[in-house]
Each structure stands twice: as C-alpha cells, then as structure tokens.
Amino acid sequence: LSGLLACTWMIKIVRKSKLTYFAIYCILVGALAIGYGVWG
C-alpha cells in the first residue's frame, strides 16, 4: 500500500516539476537501496 501511495505521489510531483529532479531522486534512492542491500 505504501509503495502504491509513493508511486502516485511521485507521479504528481513529476507532472508538476521537471523530470531532471525525478532522475536525480531515482539515482539517490537507487544508490541508497544498493548501499543498504550491500552493507545493511
């Protein structure tokens, strides 16, 4: 449920803002997820 809410929330933000911010967000979240998977 939280994942679905996050997706709809991100879609709203992407529609309002530029896609560059979304790309930066994806890179940061991806790096954090990989780091957590490796060291967490």
PDB file of N, CA and C in Angstrom:
ATOM      1  N   LEU A   1       0.836  -1.210   0.000  1.00  0.00           N
ATOM      2  CA  LEU A   1       0.000   0.000   0.000  1.00  0.00           C
ATOM      3  C   LEU A   1       0.872   1.261   0.000  1.00  0.00           C
ATOM      4  N   SER A   2       1.908   1.255   0.825  1.00  0.00           N
ATOM      5  CA  SER A   2       2.791   2.427   0.882  1.00  0.00           C
ATOM      6  C   SER A   2       3.509   2.619  -0.451  1.00  0.00           C
ATOM      7  N   GLY A   3       3.851   1.514  -1.120  1.00  0.00           N
ATOM      8  CA  GLY A   3       4.512   1.612  -2.423  1.00  0.00           C
ATOM      9  C   GLY A   3       3.598   2.250  -3.459  1.00  0.00           C
ATOM     10  N   LEU A   4       2.324   1.875  -3.414  1.00  0.00           N
ATOM     11  CA  LEU A   4       1.349   2.446  -4.349  1.00  0.00           C
ATOM     12  C   LEU A   4       1.175   3.937  -4.096  1.00  0.00           C
ATOM     13  N   LEU A   5       1.094   4.314  -2.814  1.00  0.00           N
ATOM     14  CA  LEU A   5       0.969   5.733  -2.468  1.00  0.00           C
ATOM     15  C   LEU A   5       2.203   6.503  -2.921  1.00  0.00           C
ATOM     16  N   ALA A   6       3.380   5.911  -2.733  1.00  0.00           N
ATOM     17  CA  ALA A   6       4.619   6.569  -3.140  1.00  0.00           C
ATOM     18  C   ALA A   6       4.641   6.773  -4.651  1.00  0.00           C
ATOM     19  N   CYS A   7       4.177   5.776  -5.402  1.00  0.00           N
ATOM     20  CA  CYS A   7       4.162   5.886  -6.862  1.00  0.00           C
ATOM     21  C   CYS A   7       3.231   7.001  -7.321  1.00  0.00           C
ATOM     22  N   THR A   8       2.020   7.037  -6.781  1.00  0.00           N
ATOM     23  CA  THR A   8       1.071   8.075  -7.187  1.00  0.00           C
ATOM     24  C   THR A   8       1.578   9.455  -6.776  1.00  0.00           C
ATOM     25  N   TRP A   9       2.216   9.537  -5.610  1.00  0.00           N
ATOM     26  CA  TRP A   9       2.768  10.799  -5.125  1.00  0.00           C
ATOM     27  C   TRP A   9       3.886  11.280  -6.042  1.00  0.00           C
ATOM     28  N   MET A  10       4.767  10.344  -6.454  1.00  0.00           N
ATOM     29  CA  MET A  10       5.873  10.710  -7.331  1.00  0.00           C
ATOM     30  C   MET A  10       5.354  11.147  -8.698  1.00  0.00           C
ATOM     31  N   ILE A  11       4.296  10.482  -9.193  1.00  0.00           N
ATOM     32  CA  ILE A  11       3.727  10.860 -10.489  1.00  0.00           C
ATOM     33  C   ILE A  11       3.196  12.291 -10.439  1.00  0.00           C
ATOM     34  N   LYS A  12       2.547  12.654  -9.334  1.00  0.00           N
ATOM     35  CA  LYS A  12       2.034  14.020  -9.182  1.00  0.00           C
ATOM     36  C   LYS A  12       3.183  15.027  -9.186  1.00  0.00           C
ATOM     37  N   ILE A  13       4.269  14.683  -8.488  1.00  0.00           N
ATOM     38  CA  ILE A  13       5.423  15.585  -8.432  1.00  0.00           C
ATOM     39  C   ILE A  13       6.055  15.720  -9.813  1.00  0.00           C
ATOM     40  N   VAL A  14       6.176  14.597 -10.528  1.00  0.00           N
ATOM     41  CA  VAL A  14       6.791  14.630 -11.856  1.00  0.00           C
ATOM     42  C   VAL A  14       5.971  15.496 -12.806  1.00  0.00           C
ATOM     43  N   ARG A  15       4.656  15.423 -12.709  1.00  0.00           N
ATOM     44  CA  ARG A  15       3.805  16.233 -13.578  1.00  0.00           C
ATOM     45  C   ARG A  15       3.964  17.718 -13.281  1.00  0.00           C
ATOM     46  N   LYS A  16       4.236  18.058 -12.022  1.00  0.00           N
ATOM     47  CA  LYS A  16       4.369  19.470 -11.647  1.00  0.00           C
ATOM     48  C   LYS A  16       5.783  19.996 -11.904  1.00  0.00           C
ATOM     49  N   SER A  17       6.780  19.173 -11.640  1.00  0.00           N
ATOM     50  CA  SER A  17       8.163  19.630 -11.756  1.00  0.00           C
ATOM     51  C   SER A  17       8.834  19.049 -12.992  1.00  0.00           C
ATOM     52  N   LYS A  18      10.135  19.300 -13.096  1.00  0.00           N
ATOM     53  CA  LYS A  18      10.894  18.822 -14.242  1.00  0.00           C
ATOM     54  C   LYS A  18      11.362  17.389 -14.011  1.00  0.00           C
ATOM     55  N   LEU A  19      11.557  16.674 -15.093  1.00  0.00           N
ATOM     56  CA  LEU A  19      11.976  15.277 -14.999  1.00  0.00           C
ATOM     57  C   LEU A  19      13.404  15.134 -14.488  1.00  0.00           C
ATOM     58  N   THR A  20      14.193  16.204 -14.570  1.00  0.00           N
ATOM     59  CA  THR A  20      15.564  16.118 -14.081  1.00  0.00           C
ATOM     60  C   THR A  20      15.576  15.867 -12.580  1.00  0.00           C
ATOM     61  N   TYR A  21      14.649  16.513 -11.860  1.00  0.00           N
ATOM     62  CA  TYR A  21      14.573  16.290 -10.420  1.00  0.00           C
ATOM     63  C   TYR A  21      14.196  14.846 -10.128  1.00  0.00           C
ATOM     64  N   PHE A  22      13.307  14.281 -10.941  1.00  0.00           N
ATOM     65  CA  PHE A  22      12.890  12.891 -10.766  1.00  0.00           C
ATOM     66  C   PHE A  22      14.065  11.951 -11.027  1.00  0.00           C
ATOM     67  N   ALA A  23      14.870  12.272 -12.045  1.00  0.00           N
ATOM     68  CA  ALA A  23      16.028  11.439 -12.365  1.00  0.00           C
ATOM     69  C   ALA A  23      17.032  11.466 -11.219  1.00  0.00           C
ATOM     70  N   ILE A  24      17.285  12.654 -10.662  1.00  0.00           N
ATOM     71  CA  ILE A  24      18.205  12.776  -9.534  1.00  0.00           C
ATOM     72  C   ILE A  24      17.672  12.002  -8.339  1.00  0.00           C
ATOM     73  N   TYR A  25      16.376  12.100  -8.089  1.00  0.00           N
ATOM     74  CA  TYR A  25      15.746  11.376  -6.983  1.00  0.00           C
ATOM     75  C   TYR A  25      15.910   9.870  -7.169  1.00  0.00           C
ATOM     76  N   CYS A  26      15.686   9.400  -8.395  1.00  0.00           N
ATOM     77  CA  CYS A  26      15.810   7.968  -8.671  1.00  0.00           C
ATOM     78  C   CYS A  26      17.237   7.491  -8.444  1.00  0.00           C
ATOM     79  N   ILE A  27      18.213   8.289  -8.862  1.00  0.00           N
ATOM     80  CA  ILE A  27      19.613   7.913  -8.675  1.00  0.00           C
ATOM     81  C   ILE A  27      19.947   7.835  -7.194  1.00  0.00           C
ATOM     82  N   LEU A  28      19.502   8.826  -6.421  1.00  0.00           N
ATOM     83  CA  LEU A  28      19.778   8.836  -4.983  1.00  0.00           C
ATOM     84  C   LEU A  28      19.128   7.647  -4.288  1.00  0.00           C
ATOM     85  N   VAL A  29      17.867   7.400  -4.584  1.00  0.00           N
ATOM     86  CA  VAL A  29      17.153   6.291  -3.951  1.00  0.00           C
ATOM     87  C   VAL A  29      17.767   4.957  -4.367  1.00  0.00           C
ATOM     88  N   GLY A  30      18.136   4.842  -5.633  1.00  0.00           N
ATOM     89  CA  GLY A  30      18.765   3.612  -6.117  1.00  0.00           C
ATOM     90  C   GLY A  30      20.091   3.359  -5.420  1.00  0.00           C
ATOM     91  N   ALA A  31      20.895   4.416  -5.258  1.00  0.00           N
ATOM     92  CA  ALA A  31      22.182   4.277  -4.579  1.00  0.00           C
ATOM     93  C   ALA A  31      21.983   3.888  -3.120  1.00  0.00           C
ATOM     94  N   LEU A  32      21.006   4.502  -2.462  1.00  0.00           N
ATOM     95  CA  LEU A  32      20.722   4.162  -1.068  1.00  0.00           C
ATOM     96  C   LEU A  32      20.245   2.719  -0.944  1.00  0.00           C
ATOM     97  N   ALA A  33      19.406   2.283  -1.869  1.00  0.00           N
ATOM     98  CA  ALA A  33      18.890   0.913  -1.830  1.00  0.00           C
ATOM     99  C   ALA A  33      20.020  -0.092  -2.030  1.00  0.00           C
ATOM    100  N   ILE A  34      20.916   0.195  -2.967  1.00  0.00           N
ATOM    101  CA  ILE A  34      22.046  -0.700  -3.209  1.00  0.00           C
ATOM    102  C   ILE A  34      22.969  -0.718  -1.998  1.00  0.00           C
ATOM    103  N   GLY A  35      23.248   0.461  -1.447  1.00  0.00           N
ATOM    104  CA  GLY A  35      24.105   0.541  -0.265  1.00  0.00           C
ATOM    105  C   GLY A  35      23.515  -0.210   0.913  1.00  0.00           C
ATOM    106  N   TYR A  36      22.220  -0.075   1.100  1.00  0.00           N
ATOM    107  CA  TYR A  36      21.559  -0.776   2.200  1.00  0.00           C
ATOM    108  C   TYR A  36      21.589  -2.281   1.962  1.00  0.00           C
ATOM    109  N   GLY A  37      21.434  -2.691   0.714  1.00  0.00           N
ATOM    110  CA  GLY A  37      21.465  -4.115   0.389  1.00  0.00           C
ATOM    111  C   GLY A  37      22.841  -4.716   0.602  1.00  0.00           C
ATOM    112  N   VAL A  38      23.885  -3.918   0.324  1.00  0.00           N
ATOM    113  CA  VAL A  38      25.255  -4.426   0.446  1.00  0.00           C
ATOM    114  C   VAL A  38      25.742  -4.370   1.886  1.00  0.00           C
ATOM    115  N   TRP A  39      25.554  -3.215   2.535  1.00  0.00           N
ATOM    116  CA  TRP A  39      26.097  -3.034   3.884  1.00  0.00           C
ATOM    117  C   TRP A  39      25.065  -3.208   4.994  1.00  0.00           C
ATOM    118  N   GLY A  40      23.779  -3.145   4.638  1.00  0.00           N
ATOM    119  CA  GLY A  40      22.740  -3.284   5.650  1.00  0.00           C
ATOM    120  C   GLY A  40      22.549  -4.738   5.951  1.00  0.00           C
TER     121      GLY A  40
END
